[in-house]
PDB file of N, CA and C in Angstrom:
ATOM      1  N   MET A   1     -24.919  26.847  23.477  1.00  0.00           N
ATOM      2  CA  MET A   1     -23.765  26.758  22.602  1.00  0.00           C
ATOM      3  C   MET A   1     -24.073  27.569  21.343  1.00  0.00           C
ATOM      4  N   SER A   2     -23.164  28.411  20.972  1.00  0.00           N
ATOM      5  CA  SER A   2     -23.371  29.260  19.798  1.00  0.00           C
ATOM      6  C   SER A   2     -23.182  28.443  18.523  1.00  0.00           C
ATOM      7  N   GLY A   3     -23.659  28.994  17.432  1.00  0.00           N
ATOM      8  CA  GLY A   3     -23.502  28.337  16.138  1.00  0.00           C
ATOM      9  C   GLY A   3     -22.045  28.123  15.790  1.00  0.00           C
ATOM     10  N   PHE A   4     -21.219  29.100  16.139  1.00  0.00           N
ATOM     11  CA  PHE A   4     -19.780  28.983  15.855  1.00  0.00           C
ATOM     12  C   PHE A   4     -19.170  27.833  16.645  1.00  0.00           C
ATOM     13  N   SER A   5     -19.546  27.703  17.914  1.00  0.00           N
ATOM     14  CA  SER A   5     -19.004  26.634  18.752  1.00  0.00           C
ATOM     15  C   SER A   5     -19.413  25.265  18.234  1.00  0.00           C
ATOM     16  N   ARG A   6     -20.678  25.142  17.807  1.00  0.00           N
ATOM     17  CA  ARG A   6     -21.131  23.856  17.253  1.00  0.00           C
ATOM     18  C   ARG A   6     -20.382  23.531  15.966  1.00  0.00           C
ATOM     19  N   ARG A   7     -20.175  24.551  15.160  1.00  0.00           N
ATOM     20  CA  ARG A   7     -19.449  24.340  13.900  1.00  0.00           C
ATOM     21  C   ARG A   7     -18.007  23.915  14.185  1.00  0.00           C
ATOM     22  N   GLU A   8     -17.374  24.593  15.136  1.00  0.00           N
ATOM     23  CA  GLU A   8     -16.004  24.248  15.497  1.00  0.00           C
ATOM     24  C   GLU A   8     -15.931  22.816  16.035  1.00  0.00           C
ATOM     25  N   GLU A   9     -16.883  22.437  16.856  1.00  0.00           N
ATOM     26  CA  GLU A   9     -16.931  21.086  17.400  1.00  0.00           C
ATOM     27  C   GLU A   9     -17.121  20.064  16.270  1.00  0.00           C
ATOM     28  N   GLY A  10     -17.931  20.409  15.295  1.00  0.00           N
ATOM     29  CA  GLY A  10     -18.139  19.533  14.148  1.00  0.00           C
ATOM     30  C   GLY A  10     -16.856  19.322  13.360  1.00  0.00           C
ATOM     31  N   PHE A  11     -16.104  20.394  13.155  1.00  0.00           N
ATOM     32  CA  PHE A  11     -14.821  20.281  12.445  1.00  0.00           C
ATOM     33  C   PHE A  11     -13.831  19.417  13.223  1.00  0.00           C
ATOM     34  N   GLU A  12     -13.803  19.592  14.537  1.00  0.00           N
ATOM     35  CA  GLU A  12     -12.902  18.795  15.368  1.00  0.00           C
ATOM     36  C   GLU A  12     -13.275  17.317  15.309  1.00  0.00           C
ATOM     37  N   SER A  13     -14.571  17.037  15.348  1.00  0.00           N
ATOM     38  CA  SER A  13     -15.029  15.648  15.271  1.00  0.00           C
ATOM     39  C   SER A  13     -14.664  15.028  13.935  1.00  0.00           C
ATOM     40  N   LYS A  14     -14.850  15.783  12.859  1.00  0.00           N
ATOM     41  CA  LYS A  14     -14.514  15.272  11.524  1.00  0.00           C
ATOM     42  C   LYS A  14     -13.012  15.032  11.412  1.00  0.00           C
ATOM     43  N   PHE A  15     -12.220  15.940  11.944  1.00  0.00           N
ATOM     44  CA  PHE A  15     -10.764  15.771  11.908  1.00  0.00           C
ATOM     45  C   PHE A  15     -10.369  14.493  12.641  1.00  0.00           C
ATOM     46  N   ALA A  16     -10.933  14.263  13.819  1.00  0.00           N
ATOM     47  CA  ALA A  16     -10.614  13.068  14.597  1.00  0.00           C
ATOM     48  C   ALA A  16     -11.060  11.812  13.864  1.00  0.00           C
ATOM     49  N   PHE A  17     -12.244  11.851  13.258  1.00  0.00           N
ATOM     50  CA  PHE A  17     -12.751  10.712  12.492  1.00  0.00           C
ATOM     51  C   PHE A  17     -11.844  10.404  11.315  1.00  0.00           C
ATOM     52  N   ASP A  18     -11.451  11.437  10.574  1.00  0.00           N
ATOM     53  CA  ASP A  18     -10.573  11.255   9.411  1.00  0.00           C
ATOM     54  C   ASP A  18      -9.205  10.718   9.825  1.00  0.00           C
ATOM     55  N   ALA A  19      -8.671  11.207  10.945  1.00  0.00           N
ATOM     56  CA  ALA A  19      -7.369  10.748  11.427  1.00  0.00           C
ATOM     57  C   ALA A  19      -7.440   9.267  11.820  1.00  0.00           C
ATOM     58  N   GLU A  20      -8.516   8.870  12.468  1.00  0.00           N
ATOM     59  CA  GLU A  20      -8.679   7.475  12.860  1.00  0.00           C
ATOM     60  C   GLU A  20      -8.826   6.584  11.626  1.00  0.00           C
ATOM     61  N   LYS A  21      -9.581   7.050  10.650  1.00  0.00           N
ATOM     62  CA  LYS A  21      -9.765   6.295   9.411  1.00  0.00           C
ATOM     63  C   LYS A  21      -8.431   6.137   8.679  1.00  0.00           C
ATOM     64  N   ARG A  22      -7.646   7.200   8.629  1.00  0.00           N
ATOM     65  CA  ARG A  22      -6.336   7.159   7.974  1.00  0.00           C
ATOM     66  C   ARG A  22      -5.397   6.182   8.704  1.00  0.00           C
ATOM     67  N   PHE A  23      -5.411   6.218  10.041  1.00  0.00           N
ATOM     68  CA  PHE A  23      -4.574   5.318  10.833  1.00  0.00           C
ATOM     69  C   PHE A  23      -4.946   3.859  10.559  1.00  0.00           C
ATOM     70  N   LYS A  24      -6.234   3.552  10.568  1.00  0.00           N
ATOM     71  CA  LYS A  24      -6.688   2.185  10.316  1.00  0.00           C
ATOM     72  C   LYS A  24      -6.315   1.737   8.905  1.00  0.00           C
ATOM     73  N   ALA A  25      -6.494   2.633   7.936  1.00  0.00           N
ATOM     74  CA  ALA A  25      -6.176   2.285   6.548  1.00  0.00           C
ATOM     75  C   ALA A  25      -4.672   2.050   6.375  1.00  0.00           C
ATOM     76  N   GLU A  26      -3.849   2.859   6.999  1.00  0.00           N
ATOM     77  CA  GLU A  26      -2.404   2.679   6.871  1.00  0.00           C
ATOM     78  C   GLU A  26      -1.945   1.394   7.556  1.00  0.00           C
ATOM     79  N   ALA A  27      -2.544   1.060   8.692  1.00  0.00           N
ATOM     80  CA  ALA A  27      -2.199  -0.194   9.364  1.00  0.00           C
ATOM     81  C   ALA A  27      -2.612  -1.380   8.496  1.00  0.00           C
ATOM     82  N   ARG A  28      -3.799  -1.287   7.897  1.00  0.00           N
ATOM     83  CA  ARG A  28      -4.259  -2.360   7.015  1.00  0.00           C
ATOM     84  C   ARG A  28      -3.377  -2.449   5.765  1.00  0.00           C
ATOM     85  N   ARG A  29      -2.984  -1.284   5.243  1.00  0.00           N
ATOM     86  CA  ARG A  29      -2.071  -1.259   4.098  1.00  0.00           C
ATOM     87  C   ARG A  29      -0.781  -1.992   4.434  1.00  0.00           C
ATOM     88  N   ASN A  30      -0.261  -1.744   5.624  1.00  0.00           N
ATOM     89  CA  ASN A  30       0.988  -2.382   6.025  1.00  0.00           C
ATOM     90  C   ASN A  30       0.828  -3.893   6.173  1.00  0.00           C
ATOM     91  N   LYS A  31      -0.341  -4.338   6.607  1.00  0.00           N
ATOM     92  CA  LYS A  31      -0.598  -5.780   6.657  1.00  0.00           C
ATOM     93  C   LYS A  31      -0.615  -6.366   5.252  1.00  0.00           C
ATOM     94  N   LEU A  32      -1.245  -5.655   4.330  1.00  0.00           N
ATOM     95  CA  LEU A  32      -1.255  -6.110   2.938  1.00  0.00           C
ATOM     96  C   LEU A  32       0.148  -6.101   2.344  1.00  0.00           C
ATOM     97  N   LEU A  33       0.931  -5.099   2.688  1.00  0.00           N
ATOM     98  CA  LEU A  33       2.319  -5.055   2.222  1.00  0.00           C
ATOM     99  C   LEU A  33       3.131  -6.223   2.784  1.00  0.00           C
ATOM    100  N   ALA A  34       2.849  -6.591   4.025  1.00  0.00           N
ATOM    101  CA  ALA A  34       3.534  -7.739   4.615  1.00  0.00           C
ATOM    102  C   ALA A  34       3.182  -9.018   3.857  1.00  0.00           C
ATOM    103  N   GLU A  35       1.925  -9.137   3.438  1.00  0.00           N
ATOM    104  CA  GLU A  35       1.533 -10.305   2.638  1.00  0.00           C
ATOM    105  C   GLU A  35       2.259 -10.301   1.292  1.00  0.00           C
ATOM    106  N   TRP A  36       2.358  -9.129   0.676  1.00  0.00           N
ATOM    107  CA  TRP A  36       3.085  -8.994  -0.585  1.00  0.00           C
ATOM    108  C   TRP A  36       4.555  -9.366  -0.389  1.00  0.00           C
ATOM    109  N   PHE A  37       5.152  -8.829   0.683  1.00  0.00           N
ATOM    110  CA  PHE A  37       6.541  -9.149   1.026  1.00  0.00           C
ATOM    111  C   PHE A  37       6.693 -10.657   1.226  1.00  0.00           C
ATOM    112  N   GLY A  38       5.744 -11.239   1.937  1.00  0.00           N
ATOM    113  CA  GLY A  38       5.788 -12.677   2.192  1.00  0.00           C
ATOM    114  C   GLY A  38       5.709 -13.501   0.922  1.00  0.00           C
ATOM    115  N   SER A  39       4.913 -13.038  -0.047  1.00  0.00           N
ATOM    116  CA  SER A  39       4.823 -13.769  -1.314  1.00  0.00           C
ATOM    117  C   SER A  39       6.125 -13.668  -2.104  1.00  0.00           C
ATOM    118  N   LYS A  40       6.824 -12.559  -1.967  1.00  0.00           N
ATOM    119  CA  LYS A  40       8.103 -12.371  -2.664  1.00  0.00           C
ATOM    120  C   LYS A  40       9.239 -13.154  -2.009  1.00  0.00           C
ATOM    121  N   THR A  41       9.137 -13.316  -0.687  1.00  0.00           N
ATOM    122  CA  THR A  41      10.244 -13.927   0.062  1.00  0.00           C
ATOM    123  C   THR A  41       9.904 -15.317   0.591  1.00  0.00           C
ATOM    124  N   LYS A  42       8.742 -15.809   0.232  1.00  0.00           N
ATOM    125  CA  LYS A  42       8.310 -17.164   0.610  1.00  0.00           C
ATOM    126  C   LYS A  42       8.180 -17.347   2.126  1.00  0.00           C
ATOM    127  N   LEU A  43       7.654 -16.314   2.811  1.00  0.00           N
ATOM    128  CA  LEU A  43       7.394 -16.439   4.241  1.00  0.00           C
ATOM    129  C   LEU A  43       6.131 -17.255   4.467  1.00  0.00           C
ATOM    130  N   ASP A  44       6.089 -17.972   5.578  1.00  0.00           N
ATOM    131  CA  ASP A  44       4.858 -18.666   5.952  1.00  0.00           C
ATOM    132  C   ASP A  44       3.927 -17.677   6.655  1.00  0.00           C
ATOM    133  N   SER A  45       2.739 -18.121   7.017  1.00  0.00           N
ATOM    134  CA  SER A  45       1.753 -17.202   7.595  1.00  0.00           C
ATOM    135  C   SER A  45       2.217 -16.597   8.918  1.00  0.00           C
ATOM    136  N   ALA A  46       2.925 -17.372   9.724  1.00  0.00           N
ATOM    137  CA  ALA A  46       3.453 -16.836  10.988  1.00  0.00           C
ATOM    138  C   ALA A  46       4.501 -15.757  10.705  1.00  0.00           C
ATOM    139  N   GLY A  47       5.343 -15.997   9.705  1.00  0.00           N
ATOM    140  CA  GLY A  47       6.348 -15.005   9.327  1.00  0.00           C
ATOM    141  C   GLY A  47       5.714 -13.738   8.782  1.00  0.00           C
ATOM    142  N   ILE A  48       4.642 -13.890   8.012  1.00  0.00           N
ATOM    143  CA  ILE A  48       3.924 -12.728   7.477  1.00  0.00           C
ATOM    144  C   ILE A  48       3.299 -11.924   8.606  1.00  0.00           C
ATOM    145  N   ASP A  49       2.681 -12.612   9.563  1.00  0.00           N
ATOM    146  CA  ASP A  49       2.079 -11.917  10.709  1.00  0.00           C
ATOM    147  C   ASP A  49       3.135 -11.151  11.507  1.00  0.00           C
ATOM    148  N   ALA A  50       4.273 -11.791  11.737  1.00  0.00           N
ATOM    149  CA  ALA A  50       5.359 -11.126  12.478  1.00  0.00           C
ATOM    150  C   ALA A  50       5.886  -9.932  11.699  1.00  0.00           C
ATOM    151  N   TYR A  51       6.024 -10.081  10.384  1.00  0.00           N
ATOM    152  CA  TYR A  51       6.527  -8.970   9.580  1.00  0.00           C
ATOM    153  C   TYR A  51       5.514  -7.830   9.532  1.00  0.00           C
ATOM    154  N   ALA A  52       4.230  -8.158   9.501  1.00  0.00           N
ATOM    155  CA  ALA A  52       3.194  -7.121   9.512  1.00  0.00           C
ATOM    156  C   ALA A  52       3.304  -6.285  10.790  1.00  0.00           C
ATOM    157  N   LYS A  53       3.461  -6.929  11.921  1.00  0.00           N
ATOM    158  CA  LYS A  53       3.607  -6.212  13.197  1.00  0.00           C
ATOM    159  C   LYS A  53       4.859  -5.338  13.182  1.00  0.00           C
ATOM    160  N   GLU A  54       5.940  -5.892  12.647  1.00  0.00           N
ATOM    161  CA  GLU A  54       7.196  -5.143  12.547  1.00  0.00           C
ATOM    162  C   GLU A  54       7.038  -3.914  11.648  1.00  0.00           C
ATOM    163  N   LEU A  55       6.353  -4.094  10.526  1.00  0.00           N
ATOM    164  CA  LEU A  55       6.153  -2.999   9.574  1.00  0.00           C
ATOM    165  C   LEU A  55       5.255  -1.909  10.160  1.00  0.00           C
ATOM    166  N   ILE A  56       4.198  -2.316  10.854  1.00  0.00           N
ATOM    167  CA  ILE A  56       3.300  -1.346  11.488  1.00  0.00           C
ATOM    168  C   ILE A  56       4.048  -0.550  12.556  1.00  0.00           C
ATOM    169  N   ALA A  57       4.818  -1.243  13.388  1.00  0.00           N
ATOM    170  CA  ALA A  57       5.596  -0.560  14.432  1.00  0.00           C
ATOM    171  C   ALA A  57       6.612   0.393  13.811  1.00  0.00           C
ATOM    172  N   HIS A  58       7.247  -0.035  12.737  1.00  0.00           N
ATOM    173  CA  HIS A  58       8.230   0.807  12.054  1.00  0.00           C
ATOM    174  C   HIS A  58       7.569   2.063  11.490  1.00  0.00           C
ATOM    175  N   ASP A  59       6.386   1.903  10.935  1.00  0.00           N
ATOM    176  CA  ASP A  59       5.669   3.029  10.337  1.00  0.00           C
ATOM    177  C   ASP A  59       5.270   4.071  11.377  1.00  0.00           C
ATOM    178  N   LEU A  60       5.043   3.650  12.601  1.00  0.00           N
ATOM    179  CA  LEU A  60       4.630   4.580  13.661  1.00  0.00           C
ATOM    180  C   LEU A  60       5.778   5.454  14.164  1.00  0.00           C
ATOM    181  N   LYS A  61       7.006   5.063  13.891  1.00  0.00           N
ATOM    182  CA  LYS A  61       8.168   5.794  14.391  1.00  0.00           C
ATOM    183  C   LYS A  61       8.377   7.127  13.692  1.00  0.00           C
ATOM    184  N   LYS A  62       7.998   7.208  12.430  1.00  0.00           N
ATOM    185  CA  LYS A  62       8.294   8.396  11.633  1.00  0.00           C
ATOM    186  C   LYS A  62       7.125   8.683  10.691  1.00  0.00           C
ATOM    187  N   ALA A  63       6.775   9.942  10.565  1.00  0.00           N
ATOM    188  CA  ALA A  63       5.677  10.330   9.677  1.00  0.00           C
ATOM    189  C   ALA A  63       6.077  10.129   8.222  1.00  0.00           C
ATOM    190  N   GLY A  64       5.088   9.836   7.407  1.00  0.00           N
ATOM    191  CA  GLY A  64       5.346   9.677   5.974  1.00  0.00           C
ATOM    192  C   GLY A  64       5.570   8.231   5.598  1.00  0.00           C
ATOM    193  N   ASP A  65       5.687   8.006   4.309  1.00  0.00           N
ATOM    194  CA  ASP A  65       5.815   6.651   3.789  1.00  0.00           C
ATOM    195  C   ASP A  65       7.236   6.254   3.426  1.00  0.00           C
ATOM    196  N   GLU A  66       8.142   7.206   3.373  1.00  0.00           N
ATOM    197  CA  GLU A  66       9.501   6.900   2.925  1.00  0.00           C
ATOM    198  C   GLU A  66      10.199   5.895   3.828  1.00  0.00           C
ATOM    199  N   ASP A  67       9.905   5.927   5.116  1.00  0.00           N
ATOM    200  CA  ASP A  67      10.520   4.958   6.019  1.00  0.00           C
ATOM    201  C   ASP A  67      10.043   3.542   5.710  1.00  0.00           C
ATOM    202  N   VAL A  68       8.780   3.412   5.329  1.00  0.00           N
ATOM    203  CA  VAL A  68       8.238   2.094   4.968  1.00  0.00           C
ATOM    204  C   VAL A  68       8.854   1.619   3.653  1.00  0.00           C
ATOM    205  N   VAL A  69       8.953   2.520   2.683  1.00  0.00           N
ATOM    206  CA  VAL A  69       9.592   2.169   1.406  1.00  0.00           C
ATOM    207  C   VAL A  69      11.021   1.702   1.666  1.00  0.00           C
ATOM    208  N   GLY A  70      11.751   2.444   2.473  1.00  0.00           N
ATOM    209  CA  GLY A  70      13.133   2.095   2.781  1.00  0.00           C
ATOM    210  C   GLY A  70      13.262   0.752   3.474  1.00  0.00           C
ATOM    211  N   LYS A  71      12.380   0.498   4.422  1.00  0.00           N
ATOM    212  CA  LYS A  71      12.421  -0.782   5.139  1.00  0.00           C
ATOM    213  C   LYS A  71      12.116  -1.928   4.193  1.00  0.00           C
ATOM    214  N   LEU A  72      11.055  -1.784   3.406  1.00  0.00           N
ATOM    215  CA  LEU A  72      10.717  -2.852   2.458  1.00  0.00           C
ATOM    216  C   LEU A  72      11.865  -3.100   1.479  1.00  0.00           C
ATOM    217  N   ALA A  73      12.435  -2.023   0.953  1.00  0.00           N
ATOM    218  CA  ALA A  73      13.537  -2.159  -0.008  1.00  0.00           C
ATOM    219  C   ALA A  73      14.723  -2.883   0.628  1.00  0.00           C
ATOM    220  N   ALA A  74      15.091  -2.469   1.827  1.00  0.00           N
ATOM    221  CA  ALA A  74      16.235  -3.089   2.514  1.00  0.00           C
ATOM    222  C   ALA A  74      15.953  -4.550   2.852  1.00  0.00           C
ATOM    223  N   ASP A  75      14.741  -4.827   3.334  1.00  0.00           N
ATOM    224  CA  ASP A  75      14.406  -6.199   3.712  1.00  0.00           C
ATOM    225  C   ASP A  75      14.314  -7.112   2.485  1.00  0.00           C
ATOM    226  N   LEU A  76      13.767  -6.587   1.396  1.00  0.00           N
ATOM    227  CA  LEU A  76      13.715  -7.378   0.165  1.00  0.00           C
ATOM    228  C   LEU A  76      15.130  -7.658  -0.348  1.00  0.00           C
ATOM    229  N   LYS A  77      15.971  -6.635  -0.321  1.00  0.00           N
ATOM    230  CA  LYS A  77      17.358  -6.798  -0.784  1.00  0.00           C
ATOM    231  C   LYS A  77      18.093  -7.835   0.067  1.00  0.00           C
ATOM    232  N   SER A  78      17.857  -7.791   1.386  1.00  0.00           N
ATOM    233  CA  SER A  78      18.535  -8.751   2.270  1.00  0.00           C
ATOM    234  C   SER A  78      18.086 -10.183   2.016  1.00  0.00           C
ATOM    235  N   LYS A  79      16.902 -10.334   1.427  1.00  0.00           N
ATOM    236  CA  LYS A  79      16.393 -11.668   1.086  1.00  0.00           C
ATOM    237  C   LYS A  79      16.745 -12.059  -0.341  1.00  0.00           C
ATOM    238  N   GLY A  80      17.481 -11.175  -1.044  1.00  0.00           N
ATOM    239  CA  GLY A  80      17.896 -11.474  -2.404  1.00  0.00           C
ATOM    240  C   GLY A  80      16.823 -11.234  -3.454  1.00  0.00           C
ATOM    241  N   VAL A  81      15.840 -10.392  -3.118  1.00  0.00           N
ATOM    242  CA  VAL A  81      14.742 -10.088  -4.044  1.00  0.00           C
ATOM    243  C   VAL A  81      14.934  -8.665  -4.560  1.00  0.00           C
ATOM    244  N   ALA A  82      15.038  -8.539  -5.865  1.00  0.00           N
ATOM    245  CA  ALA A  82      15.245  -7.226  -6.485  1.00  0.00           C
ATOM    246  C   ALA A  82      13.898  -6.616  -6.864  1.00  0.00           C
ATOM    247  N   VAL A  83      13.538  -5.534  -6.162  1.00  0.00           N
ATOM    248  CA  VAL A  83      12.316  -4.786  -6.449  1.00  0.00           C
ATOM    249  C   VAL A  83      12.676  -3.307  -6.367  1.00  0.00           C
ATOM    250  N   SER A  84      12.285  -2.543  -7.376  1.00  0.00           N
ATOM    251  CA  SER A  84      12.614  -1.120  -7.385  1.00  0.00           C
ATOM    252  C   SER A  84      11.740  -0.341  -6.405  1.00  0.00           C
ATOM    253  N   ASP A  85      12.238   0.816  -5.982  1.00  0.00           N
ATOM    254  CA  ASP A  85      11.445   1.695  -5.126  1.00  0.00           C
ATOM    255  C   ASP A  85      10.143   2.088  -5.816  1.00  0.00           C
ATOM    256  N   LYS A  86      10.203   2.263  -7.129  1.00  0.00           N
ATOM    257  CA  LYS A  86       8.999   2.607  -7.899  1.00  0.00           C
ATOM    258  C   LYS A  86       7.945   1.499  -7.774  1.00  0.00           C
ATOM    259  N   ASP A  87       8.381   0.257  -7.885  1.00  0.00           N
ATOM    260  CA  ASP A  87       7.457  -0.866  -7.760  1.00  0.00           C
ATOM    261  C   ASP A  87       6.916  -0.983  -6.334  1.00  0.00           C
ATOM    262  N   ILE A  88       7.752  -0.698  -5.350  1.00  0.00           N
ATOM    263  CA  ILE A  88       7.301  -0.723  -3.953  1.00  0.00           C
ATOM    264  C   ILE A  88       6.236   0.354  -3.741  1.00  0.00           C
ATOM    265  N   ARG A  89       6.478   1.554  -4.246  1.00  0.00           N
ATOM    266  CA  ARG A  89       5.495   2.633  -4.107  1.00  0.00           C
ATOM    267  C   ARG A  89       4.182   2.298  -4.816  1.00  0.00           C
ATOM    268  N   ALA A  90       4.279   1.675  -5.980  1.00  0.00           N
ATOM    269  CA  ALA A  90       3.075   1.279  -6.709  1.00  0.00           C
ATOM    270  C   ALA A  90       2.278   0.250  -5.898  1.00  0.00           C
ATOM    271  N   GLU A  91       2.978  -0.690  -5.287  1.00  0.00           N
ATOM    272  CA  GLU A  91       2.300  -1.686  -4.454  1.00  0.00           C
ATOM    273  C   GLU A  91       1.694  -1.036  -3.216  1.00  0.00           C
ATOM    274  N   MET A  92       2.392  -0.060  -2.654  1.00  0.00           N
ATOM    275  CA  MET A  92       1.850   0.666  -1.497  1.00  0.00           C
ATOM    276  C   MET A  92       0.554   1.381  -1.868  1.00  0.00           C
ATOM    277  N   GLU A  93       0.518   2.008  -3.028  1.00  0.00           N
ATOM    278  CA  GLU A  93      -0.691   2.696  -3.492  1.00  0.00           C
ATOM    279  C   GLU A  93      -1.830   1.707  -3.688  1.00  0.00           C
ATOM    280  N   ARG A  94      -1.527   0.578  -4.310  1.00  0.00           N
ATOM    281  CA  ARG A  94      -2.542  -0.443  -4.528  1.00  0.00           C
ATOM    282  C   ARG A  94      -3.104  -0.942  -3.196  1.00  0.00           C
ATOM    283  N   CYS A  95      -2.220  -1.228  -2.266  1.00  0.00           N
ATOM    284  CA  CYS A  95      -2.636  -1.713  -0.949  1.00  0.00           C
ATOM    285  C   CYS A  95      -3.430  -0.649  -0.186  1.00  0.00           C
ATOM    286  N   LEU A  96      -3.035   0.605  -0.324  1.00  0.00           N
ATOM    287  CA  LEU A  96      -3.745   1.674   0.370  1.00  0.00           C
ATOM    288  C   LEU A  96      -5.165   1.829  -0.172  1.00  0.00           C
ATOM    289  N   ARG A  97      -5.326   1.719  -1.488  1.00  0.00           N
ATOM    290  CA  ARG A  97      -6.682   1.790  -2.066  1.00  0.00           C
ATOM    291  C   ARG A  97      -7.562   0.671  -1.516  1.00  0.00           C
ATOM    292  N   ILE A  98      -7.018  -0.535  -1.474  1.00  0.00           N
ATOM    293  CA  ILE A  98      -7.763  -1.675  -0.937  1.00  0.00           C
ATOM    294  C   ILE A  98      -8.088  -1.443   0.533  1.00  0.00           C
ATOM    295  N   ALA A  99      -7.119  -0.940   1.284  1.00  0.00           N
ATOM    296  CA  ALA A  99      -7.308  -0.716   2.719  1.00  0.00           C
ATOM    297  C   ALA A  99      -8.372   0.339   2.983  1.00  0.00           C
ATOM    298  N   TYR A 100      -8.341   1.465   2.246  1.00  0.00           N
ATOM    299  CA  TYR A 100      -9.354   2.505   2.446  1.00  0.00           C
ATOM    300  C   TYR A 100     -10.740   1.978   2.119  1.00  0.00           C
ATOM    301  N   GLU A 101     -10.842   1.172   1.087  1.00  0.00           N
ATOM    302  CA  GLU A 101     -12.140   0.593   0.730  1.00  0.00           C
ATOM    303  C   GLU A 101     -12.645  -0.316   1.829  1.00  0.00           C
ATOM    304  N   ALA A 102     -11.759  -1.129   2.381  1.00  0.00           N
ATOM    305  CA  ALA A 102     -12.136  -2.038   3.465  1.00  0.00           C
ATOM    306  C   ALA A 102     -12.562  -1.262   4.710  1.00  0.00           C
ATOM    307  N   VAL A 103     -11.830  -0.217   5.049  1.00  0.00           N
ATOM    308  CA  VAL A 103     -12.168   0.601   6.218  1.00  0.00           C
ATOM    309  C   VAL A 103     -13.511   1.294   6.003  1.00  0.00           C
ATOM    310  N   ALA A 104     -13.726   1.803   4.810  1.00  0.00           N
ATOM    311  CA  ALA A 104     -14.993   2.473   4.496  1.00  0.00           C
ATOM    312  C   ALA A 104     -16.174   1.513   4.586  1.00  0.00           C
ATOM    313  N   ASN A 105     -15.943   0.247   4.213  1.00  0.00           N
ATOM    314  CA  ASN A 105     -16.997  -0.760   4.256  1.00  0.00           C
ATOM    315  C   ASN A 105     -17.127  -1.426   5.623  1.00  0.00           C
ATOM    316  N   GLY A 106     -16.216  -1.091   6.530  1.00  0.00           N
ATOM    317  CA  GLY A 106     -16.267  -1.658   7.876  1.00  0.00           C
ATOM    318  C   GLY A 106     -15.825  -3.104   7.947  1.00  0.00           C
ATOM    319  N   THR A 107     -15.014  -3.507   6.974  1.00  0.00           N
ATOM    320  CA  THR A 107     -14.545  -4.905   6.992  1.00  0.00           C
ATOM    321  C   THR A 107     -13.102  -4.998   7.368  1.00  0.00           C
TER     322      THR A 107
END
């Protein structure tokens, strides 16, 4: 195997590793967002778990975070909870930081 081939293989491996890490962190972020949603809407633990699964599935349908922001905003509004898109995005950032840290630590 030439040096170029090994280097290319290394880049491919790193890309796959980073993509898997990002996927795990985003799924964990969505679970944390479901807990946040549950605290705002007074869901019980079963309701939070169900909403987390719903949010993760919703996030997989379309690339980017805007679909998650939209879903959270609509679901919060339907429950009579007023939260701005700015506040939702801030919570998403907070949850993502926590999720990346957890994934990096293997927890």
